């Protein structure tokens, strides 16, 4: 019963943060909605007792991506008058929801009909030691390439958004 209540609260925060991202015209408030959604997602992983994914969600999504997004947003200094007008935003959102609803229904039916028990995993599966050994032995290069790409994207966003000084 307590788990269901916690899940409902986290789901409300997740939906609320997502809606805040979609509806807010202020970019900082939109980034704050992203922060709330990512924290709620981390809470859901904690509820599933998956400590590594919970910690990775906190460190990567909340600690890196949200802070990076906020830094880029504040350095761009976007103003309300520069934002495009979106007269059909609600129509597009409703159309997208209609488009996705059959897939959501299919996923719901699939999850309902799944068995309630799963096979037990082998000893040591999913531990931090095993995951760290795998990540830093076979996946070091892709991990570092992604970090360099994120850094390059951040620098490129700042350079593109920077205004040239008037002479």
N, C-alpha and C. Protein backbone atom coordinates (compact mmCIF):
# COMPACT_ATOMS: atom_id res chain seq x y z
N UNK A 1 0.82 -1.19 0.00
CA UNK A 1 0.00 0.00 0.00
C UNK A 1 0.87 1.26 0.00
N UNK A 2 1.91 1.26 0.83
CA UNK A 2 2.80 2.41 0.87
C UNK A 2 3.54 2.59 -0.45
N UNK A 3 3.93 1.47 -1.07
CA UNK A 3 4.62 1.55 -2.36
C UNK A 3 3.71 2.15 -3.43
N UNK A 4 2.44 1.79 -3.40
CA UNK A 4 1.50 2.36 -4.37
C UNK A 4 1.33 3.85 -4.17
N UNK A 5 1.29 4.29 -2.93
CA UNK A 5 1.17 5.73 -2.65
C UNK A 5 2.40 6.48 -3.11
N UNK A 6 3.57 5.93 -2.82
CA UNK A 6 4.82 6.57 -3.26
C UNK A 6 4.88 6.61 -4.77
N UNK A 7 4.49 5.51 -5.42
CA UNK A 7 4.47 5.48 -6.88
C UNK A 7 3.54 6.55 -7.44
N UNK A 8 2.35 6.69 -6.85
CA UNK A 8 1.39 7.68 -7.34
C UNK A 8 1.93 9.09 -7.18
N UNK A 9 2.58 9.37 -6.06
CA UNK A 9 3.16 10.70 -5.85
C UNK A 9 4.27 10.97 -6.85
N UNK A 10 5.16 9.98 -7.05
CA UNK A 10 6.26 10.15 -8.02
C UNK A 10 5.72 10.30 -9.43
N UNK A 11 4.68 9.54 -9.75
CA UNK A 11 4.08 9.65 -11.09
C UNK A 11 3.47 11.03 -11.30
N UNK A 12 2.83 11.58 -10.28
CA UNK A 12 2.27 12.93 -10.39
C UNK A 12 3.38 13.96 -10.60
N UNK A 13 4.49 13.82 -9.87
CA UNK A 13 5.60 14.73 -10.07
C UNK A 13 6.19 14.58 -11.47
N UNK A 14 6.27 13.35 -11.96
CA UNK A 14 6.80 13.11 -13.30
C UNK A 14 5.91 13.74 -14.37
N UNK A 15 4.63 13.53 -14.25
CA UNK A 15 3.70 14.13 -15.22
C UNK A 15 3.69 15.65 -15.08
N UNK A 16 3.70 16.14 -13.85
CA UNK A 16 3.71 17.59 -13.64
C UNK A 16 4.96 18.25 -14.20
N UNK A 17 6.12 17.64 -13.96
CA UNK A 17 7.36 18.18 -14.52
C UNK A 17 7.37 18.14 -16.03
N UNK A 18 6.84 17.06 -16.60
CA UNK A 18 6.78 16.95 -18.06
C UNK A 18 5.86 18.00 -18.66
N UNK A 19 4.70 18.21 -18.02
CA UNK A 19 3.80 19.24 -18.51
C UNK A 19 4.40 20.63 -18.35
N UNK A 20 5.15 20.82 -17.29
CA UNK A 20 5.81 22.11 -17.08
C UNK A 20 6.84 22.36 -18.19
N UNK A 21 7.53 21.30 -18.62
CA UNK A 21 8.47 21.44 -19.73
C UNK A 21 7.75 21.84 -21.00
N UNK A 22 6.60 21.24 -21.25
CA UNK A 22 5.88 21.49 -22.49
C UNK A 22 5.18 22.84 -22.53
N UNK A 23 4.59 23.28 -21.43
CA UNK A 23 3.74 24.45 -21.44
C UNK A 23 4.43 25.75 -21.08
N UNK A 24 5.58 25.67 -20.44
CA UNK A 24 6.22 26.89 -19.97
C UNK A 24 6.89 27.64 -21.12
N UNK A 25 6.63 28.93 -21.19
CA UNK A 25 7.29 29.76 -22.20
C UNK A 25 8.64 30.26 -21.70
N UNK A 26 8.83 30.24 -20.40
CA UNK A 26 10.12 30.64 -19.82
C UNK A 26 11.05 29.44 -19.87
N UNK A 27 12.23 29.62 -20.45
CA UNK A 27 13.14 28.50 -20.62
C UNK A 27 13.68 27.99 -19.28
N UNK A 28 13.87 28.87 -18.33
CA UNK A 28 14.37 28.42 -17.02
C UNK A 28 13.31 27.58 -16.31
N UNK A 29 12.05 27.98 -16.41
CA UNK A 29 10.98 27.17 -15.81
C UNK A 29 10.84 25.83 -16.51
N UNK A 30 11.06 25.81 -17.80
CA UNK A 30 11.03 24.56 -18.54
C UNK A 30 12.16 23.64 -18.08
N UNK A 31 13.34 24.20 -17.86
CA UNK A 31 14.46 23.41 -17.34
C UNK A 31 14.17 22.93 -15.93
N UNK A 32 13.48 23.74 -15.14
CA UNK A 32 13.10 23.30 -13.79
C UNK A 32 12.11 22.15 -13.86
N UNK A 33 11.17 22.20 -14.81
CA UNK A 33 10.26 21.08 -15.02
C UNK A 33 11.02 19.81 -15.41
N UNK A 34 12.06 19.96 -16.22
CA UNK A 34 12.91 18.82 -16.58
C UNK A 34 13.60 18.26 -15.34
N UNK A 35 14.06 19.14 -14.46
CA UNK A 35 14.69 18.70 -13.21
C UNK A 35 13.71 17.91 -12.36
N UNK A 36 12.48 18.40 -12.21
CA UNK A 36 11.47 17.71 -11.42
C UNK A 36 11.16 16.34 -12.02
N UNK A 37 11.04 16.29 -13.34
CA UNK A 37 10.74 15.02 -14.01
C UNK A 37 11.87 14.02 -13.83
N UNK A 38 13.11 14.47 -13.93
CA UNK A 38 14.25 13.56 -13.77
C UNK A 38 14.39 13.08 -12.33
N UNK A 39 14.10 13.93 -11.36
CA UNK A 39 14.13 13.50 -9.96
C UNK A 39 13.03 12.49 -9.67
N UNK A 40 11.85 12.70 -10.25
CA UNK A 40 10.76 11.73 -10.08
C UNK A 40 11.11 10.40 -10.74
N UNK A 41 11.76 10.46 -11.90
CA UNK A 41 12.19 9.23 -12.56
C UNK A 41 13.21 8.49 -11.71
N UNK A 42 14.13 9.22 -11.09
CA UNK A 42 15.10 8.59 -10.20
C UNK A 42 14.39 7.95 -9.01
N UNK A 43 13.37 8.62 -8.49
CA UNK A 43 12.60 8.05 -7.40
C UNK A 43 11.91 6.76 -7.80
N UNK A 44 11.43 6.69 -9.03
CA UNK A 44 10.82 5.45 -9.51
C UNK A 44 11.84 4.32 -9.59
N UNK A 45 13.05 4.65 -10.01
CA UNK A 45 14.10 3.62 -10.03
C UNK A 45 14.45 3.17 -8.62
N UNK A 46 14.45 4.10 -7.67
CA UNK A 46 14.70 3.73 -6.28
C UNK A 46 13.58 2.85 -5.75
N UNK A 47 12.35 3.13 -6.16
CA UNK A 47 11.21 2.32 -5.75
C UNK A 47 11.33 0.90 -6.30
N UNK A 48 11.95 0.77 -7.46
CA UNK A 48 12.17 -0.56 -8.05
C UNK A 48 13.39 -1.27 -7.47
N UNK A 49 14.04 -0.63 -6.49
CA UNK A 49 15.23 -1.16 -5.81
C UNK A 49 16.39 -1.36 -6.77
N UNK A 50 16.51 -0.50 -7.75
CA UNK A 50 17.63 -0.54 -8.67
C UNK A 50 18.55 0.63 -8.32
N UNK A 51 19.44 0.37 -7.39
CA UNK A 51 20.24 1.46 -6.82
C UNK A 51 21.20 2.07 -7.83
N UNK A 52 21.75 1.26 -8.72
CA UNK A 52 22.71 1.83 -9.68
C UNK A 52 22.03 2.78 -10.65
N UNK A 53 20.90 2.37 -11.21
CA UNK A 53 20.21 3.24 -12.16
C UNK A 53 19.69 4.49 -11.46
N UNK A 54 19.27 4.34 -10.19
CA UNK A 54 18.84 5.50 -9.40
C UNK A 54 19.99 6.49 -9.26
N UNK A 55 21.15 6.00 -8.86
CA UNK A 55 22.30 6.89 -8.69
C UNK A 55 22.78 7.46 -10.02
N UNK A 56 22.76 6.65 -11.06
CA UNK A 56 23.17 7.15 -12.38
C UNK A 56 22.20 8.22 -12.87
N UNK A 57 20.92 8.03 -12.61
CA UNK A 57 19.92 9.03 -13.00
C UNK A 57 20.18 10.35 -12.27
N UNK A 58 20.47 10.26 -10.99
CA UNK A 58 20.75 11.47 -10.21
C UNK A 58 22.02 12.15 -10.72
N UNK A 59 23.09 11.37 -10.90
CA UNK A 59 24.37 11.97 -11.28
C UNK A 59 24.37 12.46 -12.72
N UNK A 60 23.85 11.67 -13.64
CA UNK A 60 23.94 12.03 -15.05
C UNK A 60 22.82 13.00 -15.45
N UNK A 61 21.58 12.59 -15.26
CA UNK A 61 20.47 13.43 -15.72
C UNK A 61 20.33 14.69 -14.90
N UNK A 62 20.30 14.55 -13.59
CA UNK A 62 20.09 15.71 -12.74
C UNK A 62 21.38 16.49 -12.57
N UNK A 63 22.44 15.79 -12.27
CA UNK A 63 23.70 16.47 -11.97
C UNK A 63 24.39 17.07 -13.17
N UNK A 64 24.28 16.43 -14.30
CA UNK A 64 25.03 16.91 -15.47
C UNK A 64 24.12 17.58 -16.49
N UNK A 65 23.11 16.87 -16.95
CA UNK A 65 22.31 17.38 -18.06
C UNK A 65 21.50 18.61 -17.66
N UNK A 66 20.86 18.57 -16.49
CA UNK A 66 20.05 19.73 -16.08
C UNK A 66 20.94 20.93 -15.80
N UNK A 67 22.05 20.70 -15.11
CA UNK A 67 22.95 21.82 -14.82
C UNK A 67 23.53 22.38 -16.12
N UNK A 68 23.89 21.49 -17.05
CA UNK A 68 24.40 21.93 -18.34
C UNK A 68 23.33 22.71 -19.11
N UNK A 69 22.10 22.22 -19.09
CA UNK A 69 21.01 22.92 -19.76
C UNK A 69 20.78 24.30 -19.15
N UNK A 70 20.77 24.36 -17.84
CA UNK A 70 20.57 25.66 -17.19
C UNK A 70 21.71 26.62 -17.50
N UNK A 71 22.94 26.10 -17.56
CA UNK A 71 24.06 26.96 -17.88
C UNK A 71 23.94 27.51 -19.30
N UNK A 72 23.57 26.66 -20.25
CA UNK A 72 23.42 27.11 -21.63
C UNK A 72 22.24 28.09 -21.74
N UNK A 73 21.14 27.80 -21.05
CA UNK A 73 19.97 28.68 -21.11
C UNK A 73 20.31 30.06 -20.56
N UNK A 74 21.01 30.10 -19.44
CA UNK A 74 21.33 31.41 -18.87
C UNK A 74 22.39 32.14 -19.68
N UNK A 75 23.27 31.42 -20.35
CA UNK A 75 24.27 32.10 -21.17
C UNK A 75 23.67 32.62 -22.48
N UNK A 76 22.63 31.97 -22.98
CA UNK A 76 21.97 32.42 -24.22
C UNK A 76 21.18 33.70 -23.96
N UNK A 77 20.55 33.80 -22.79
CA UNK A 77 19.77 34.97 -22.41
C UNK A 77 18.64 35.23 -23.41
N UNK A 78 17.81 34.21 -23.62
CA UNK A 78 16.71 34.31 -24.57
C UNK A 78 15.59 35.18 -24.01
N UNK A 79 15.05 36.01 -24.84
CA UNK A 79 13.98 36.92 -24.44
C UNK A 79 12.65 36.47 -25.04
N UNK A 80 11.58 36.87 -24.41
CA UNK A 80 10.22 36.46 -24.83
C UNK A 80 9.91 36.90 -26.25
N UNK A 81 10.36 38.09 -26.64
CA UNK A 81 10.02 38.60 -27.98
C UNK A 81 10.75 37.84 -29.09
N UNK A 82 11.81 37.11 -28.75
CA UNK A 82 12.54 36.34 -29.76
C UNK A 82 11.97 34.94 -29.97
N UNK A 83 11.06 34.52 -29.10
CA UNK A 83 10.48 33.19 -29.23
C UNK A 83 9.47 33.15 -30.37
N UNK A 84 9.39 32.04 -31.08
CA UNK A 84 8.42 31.97 -32.18
C UNK A 84 7.00 31.85 -31.64
N UNK A 85 6.05 32.33 -32.41
CA UNK A 85 4.65 32.16 -32.00
C UNK A 85 4.25 30.73 -32.33
N UNK A 86 3.47 30.14 -31.45
CA UNK A 86 3.05 28.76 -31.61
C UNK A 86 1.52 28.68 -31.54
N UNK A 87 0.84 29.11 -32.61
CA UNK A 87 -0.62 29.15 -32.53
C UNK A 87 -1.26 27.76 -32.52
N UNK A 88 -0.59 26.76 -33.05
CA UNK A 88 -1.18 25.43 -33.16
C UNK A 88 -0.56 24.44 -32.19
N UNK A 89 0.02 24.93 -31.12
CA UNK A 89 0.71 24.05 -30.18
C UNK A 89 -0.24 23.03 -29.56
N UNK A 90 -1.40 23.45 -29.11
CA UNK A 90 -2.36 22.53 -28.50
C UNK A 90 -2.84 21.50 -29.51
N UNK A 91 -3.08 21.91 -30.74
CA UNK A 91 -3.51 20.96 -31.77
C UNK A 91 -2.45 19.90 -32.03
N UNK A 92 -1.19 20.32 -32.10
CA UNK A 92 -0.12 19.37 -32.34
C UNK A 92 0.04 18.41 -31.16
N UNK A 93 -0.14 18.92 -29.96
CA UNK A 93 -0.03 18.04 -28.80
C UNK A 93 -1.16 17.02 -28.77
N UNK A 94 -2.38 17.45 -29.09
CA UNK A 94 -3.50 16.52 -29.14
C UNK A 94 -3.33 15.50 -30.27
N UNK A 95 -2.86 15.96 -31.42
CA UNK A 95 -2.60 15.05 -32.53
C UNK A 95 -1.54 14.02 -32.16
N UNK A 96 -0.49 14.45 -31.49
CA UNK A 96 0.57 13.54 -31.06
C UNK A 96 0.04 12.53 -30.05
N UNK A 97 -0.80 13.00 -29.13
CA UNK A 97 -1.38 12.09 -28.15
C UNK A 97 -2.26 11.05 -28.82
N UNK A 98 -3.04 11.48 -29.81
CA UNK A 98 -3.87 10.54 -30.56
C UNK A 98 -3.02 9.54 -31.33
N UNK A 99 -1.91 10.01 -31.86
CA UNK A 99 -1.02 9.15 -32.62
C UNK A 99 -0.35 8.10 -31.73
N UNK A 100 -0.03 8.47 -30.52
CA UNK A 100 0.69 7.58 -29.60
C UNK A 100 -0.26 6.67 -28.83
N UNK A 101 -1.52 7.04 -28.71
CA UNK A 101 -2.45 6.28 -27.87
C UNK A 101 -2.61 4.81 -28.26
N UNK A 102 -2.63 4.41 -29.54
CA UNK A 102 -2.70 2.97 -29.81
C UNK A 102 -1.48 2.21 -29.30
N UNK A 103 -0.32 2.82 -29.40
CA UNK A 103 0.89 2.17 -28.90
C UNK A 103 0.87 2.08 -27.38
N UNK A 104 0.35 3.11 -26.73
CA UNK A 104 0.23 3.09 -25.27
C UNK A 104 -0.75 2.01 -24.83
N UNK A 105 -1.85 1.87 -25.54
CA UNK A 105 -2.83 0.83 -25.23
C UNK A 105 -2.22 -0.55 -25.44
N UNK A 106 -1.49 -0.73 -26.51
CA UNK A 106 -0.82 -2.01 -26.77
C UNK A 106 0.19 -2.32 -25.67
N UNK A 107 0.94 -1.33 -25.25
CA UNK A 107 1.92 -1.55 -24.18
C UNK A 107 1.22 -1.88 -22.87
N UNK A 108 0.13 -1.20 -22.58
CA UNK A 108 -0.63 -1.48 -21.37
C UNK A 108 -1.15 -2.91 -21.37
N UNK A 109 -1.74 -3.33 -22.47
CA UNK A 109 -2.26 -4.70 -22.55
C UNK A 109 -1.14 -5.73 -22.44
N UNK A 110 -0.01 -5.43 -23.02
CA UNK A 110 1.12 -6.36 -22.92
C UNK A 110 1.60 -6.47 -21.49
N UNK A 111 1.72 -5.35 -20.80
CA UNK A 111 2.19 -5.38 -19.42
C UNK A 111 1.19 -6.05 -18.49
N UNK A 112 -0.10 -5.90 -18.76
CA UNK A 112 -1.10 -6.53 -17.91
C UNK A 112 -1.05 -8.05 -18.05
N UNK A 113 -0.79 -8.54 -19.25
CA UNK A 113 -0.80 -9.97 -19.49
C UNK A 113 0.54 -10.65 -19.24
N UNK A 114 1.55 -9.88 -18.86
CA UNK A 114 2.81 -10.50 -18.51
C UNK A 114 2.66 -11.30 -17.23
N UNK A 115 3.47 -12.32 -17.10
CA UNK A 115 3.45 -13.09 -15.86
C UNK A 115 3.92 -12.23 -14.70
N UNK A 116 3.43 -12.52 -13.53
CA UNK A 116 3.78 -11.72 -12.36
C UNK A 116 5.12 -12.15 -11.75
N UNK A 117 5.65 -13.27 -12.16
CA UNK A 117 6.94 -13.72 -11.62
C UNK A 117 7.96 -13.76 -12.75
N UNK A 118 9.17 -13.46 -12.40
CA UNK A 118 10.26 -13.49 -13.35
C UNK A 118 11.31 -14.48 -12.86
N UNK A 119 12.09 -14.98 -13.77
CA UNK A 119 13.17 -15.88 -13.38
C UNK A 119 14.17 -15.12 -12.52
N UNK A 120 14.74 -15.83 -11.57
CA UNK A 120 15.75 -15.17 -10.74
C UNK A 120 17.03 -15.04 -11.54
N UNK A 121 17.71 -13.95 -11.34
CA UNK A 121 18.96 -13.71 -12.07
C UNK A 121 20.10 -14.40 -11.35
N UNK A 122 21.17 -14.59 -12.07
CA UNK A 122 22.31 -15.29 -11.49
C UNK A 122 22.98 -14.42 -10.42
N UNK A 123 23.76 -15.03 -9.59
CA UNK A 123 24.43 -14.35 -8.48
C UNK A 123 25.39 -13.28 -9.00
N UNK A 124 25.29 -12.09 -8.45
CA UNK A 124 26.19 -11.00 -8.83
C UNK A 124 25.74 -10.20 -10.03
N UNK A 125 24.59 -10.56 -10.62
CA UNK A 125 24.10 -9.82 -11.78
C UNK A 125 23.57 -8.47 -11.34
N UNK A 126 24.01 -7.42 -12.01
CA UNK A 126 23.52 -6.08 -11.71
C UNK A 126 24.21 -5.40 -10.55
N UNK A 127 25.25 -5.98 -10.02
CA UNK A 127 25.96 -5.34 -8.91
C UNK A 127 26.85 -4.23 -9.46
N UNK A 128 27.22 -3.32 -8.60
CA UNK A 128 28.08 -2.22 -9.01
C UNK A 128 29.45 -2.72 -9.46
N UNK A 129 29.95 -3.74 -8.79
CA UNK A 129 31.26 -4.28 -9.15
C UNK A 129 31.24 -4.88 -10.56
N UNK A 130 30.22 -5.66 -10.85
CA UNK A 130 30.13 -6.26 -12.18
C UNK A 130 29.89 -5.23 -13.26
N UNK A 131 29.01 -4.28 -12.98
CA UNK A 131 28.71 -3.24 -13.96
C UNK A 131 29.91 -2.33 -14.19
N UNK A 132 30.59 -1.95 -13.10
CA UNK A 132 31.78 -1.12 -13.24
C UNK A 132 32.89 -1.82 -14.00
N UNK A 133 33.06 -3.11 -13.73
CA UNK A 133 34.07 -3.88 -14.47
C UNK A 133 33.76 -3.94 -15.95
N UNK A 134 32.50 -4.14 -16.29
CA UNK A 134 32.09 -4.19 -17.70
C UNK A 134 32.22 -2.82 -18.36
N UNK A 135 31.77 -1.78 -17.66
CA UNK A 135 31.79 -0.44 -18.23
C UNK A 135 33.21 0.05 -18.47
N UNK A 136 34.10 -0.17 -17.52
CA UNK A 136 35.44 0.38 -17.64
C UNK A 136 36.44 -0.59 -18.26
N UNK A 137 35.97 -1.74 -18.74
CA UNK A 137 36.87 -2.62 -19.48
C UNK A 137 36.49 -2.66 -20.97
N UNK A 138 35.22 -2.86 -21.26
CA UNK A 138 34.79 -2.98 -22.66
C UNK A 138 34.17 -1.71 -23.23
N UNK A 139 33.71 -0.79 -22.39
CA UNK A 139 32.95 0.36 -22.87
C UNK A 139 33.61 1.69 -22.54
N UNK A 140 34.90 1.71 -22.29
CA UNK A 140 35.58 2.95 -21.92
C UNK A 140 35.58 3.94 -23.08
N UNK A 141 35.95 3.49 -24.27
CA UNK A 141 36.04 4.39 -25.41
C UNK A 141 34.68 5.01 -25.77
N UNK A 142 33.60 4.24 -25.90
CA UNK A 142 32.31 4.88 -26.17
C UNK A 142 31.88 5.85 -25.06
N UNK A 143 32.17 5.51 -23.82
CA UNK A 143 31.84 6.38 -22.69
C UNK A 143 32.55 7.72 -22.81
N UNK A 144 33.83 7.70 -23.16
CA UNK A 144 34.60 8.93 -23.30
C UNK A 144 34.19 9.70 -24.56
N UNK A 145 33.84 9.01 -25.63
CA UNK A 145 33.39 9.69 -26.85
C UNK A 145 32.10 10.46 -26.58
N UNK A 146 31.18 9.86 -25.83
CA UNK A 146 29.93 10.54 -25.49
C UNK A 146 30.22 11.77 -24.65
N UNK A 147 31.15 11.68 -23.70
CA UNK A 147 31.45 12.85 -22.87
C UNK A 147 32.07 13.98 -23.70
N UNK A 148 32.93 13.65 -24.66
CA UNK A 148 33.51 14.68 -25.52
C UNK A 148 32.45 15.28 -26.43
N UNK A 149 31.52 14.47 -26.94
CA UNK A 149 30.44 14.99 -27.77
C UNK A 149 29.53 15.93 -27.00
N UNK A 150 29.23 15.59 -25.75
CA UNK A 150 28.41 16.49 -24.93
C UNK A 150 29.13 17.81 -24.68
N UNK A 151 30.42 17.76 -24.43
CA UNK A 151 31.19 18.99 -24.24
C UNK A 151 31.20 19.83 -25.51
N UNK A 152 31.39 19.18 -26.66
CA UNK A 152 31.39 19.91 -27.93
C UNK A 152 30.03 20.53 -28.22
N UNK A 153 28.95 19.81 -27.89
CA UNK A 153 27.61 20.36 -28.10
C UNK A 153 27.37 21.58 -27.23
N UNK A 154 27.84 21.54 -26.00
CA UNK A 154 27.68 22.68 -25.10
C UNK A 154 28.45 23.89 -25.62
N UNK A 155 29.69 23.69 -26.03
CA UNK A 155 30.49 24.79 -26.56
C UNK A 155 29.86 25.34 -27.84
N UNK A 156 29.38 24.47 -28.71
CA UNK A 156 28.75 24.91 -29.96
C UNK A 156 27.48 25.72 -29.69
N UNK A 157 26.68 25.30 -28.71
CA UNK A 157 25.46 26.04 -28.39
C UNK A 157 25.79 27.43 -27.87
N UNK A 158 26.83 27.54 -27.08
CA UNK A 158 27.21 28.85 -26.55
C UNK A 158 27.77 29.73 -27.66
N UNK A 159 28.58 29.16 -28.55
CA UNK A 159 29.16 29.95 -29.65
C UNK A 159 28.08 30.42 -30.62
N UNK A 160 27.12 29.55 -30.93
CA UNK A 160 26.04 29.92 -31.84
C UNK A 160 25.16 31.01 -31.24
N UNK A 161 24.90 30.91 -29.95
CA UNK A 161 23.99 31.86 -29.31
C UNK A 161 24.65 33.17 -28.93
N UNK A 162 25.96 33.20 -28.92
CA UNK A 162 26.67 34.42 -28.53
C UNK A 162 26.45 35.51 -29.57
N UNK A 163 26.22 36.68 -29.07
CA UNK A 163 26.02 37.82 -29.98
C UNK A 163 27.35 38.50 -30.21
N UNK A 164 27.54 38.92 -31.42
CA UNK A 164 28.76 39.65 -31.76
C UNK A 164 28.66 41.06 -31.19
N UNK A 165 29.74 41.57 -30.62
CA UNK A 165 29.69 42.94 -30.08
C UNK A 165 29.58 43.96 -31.23
N UNK A 166 28.76 44.98 -30.99
CA UNK A 166 28.58 46.04 -32.00
C UNK A 166 29.79 46.96 -31.99
N UNK A 167 30.21 47.33 -33.18
CA UNK A 167 31.41 48.18 -33.27
C UNK A 167 31.08 49.57 -33.71
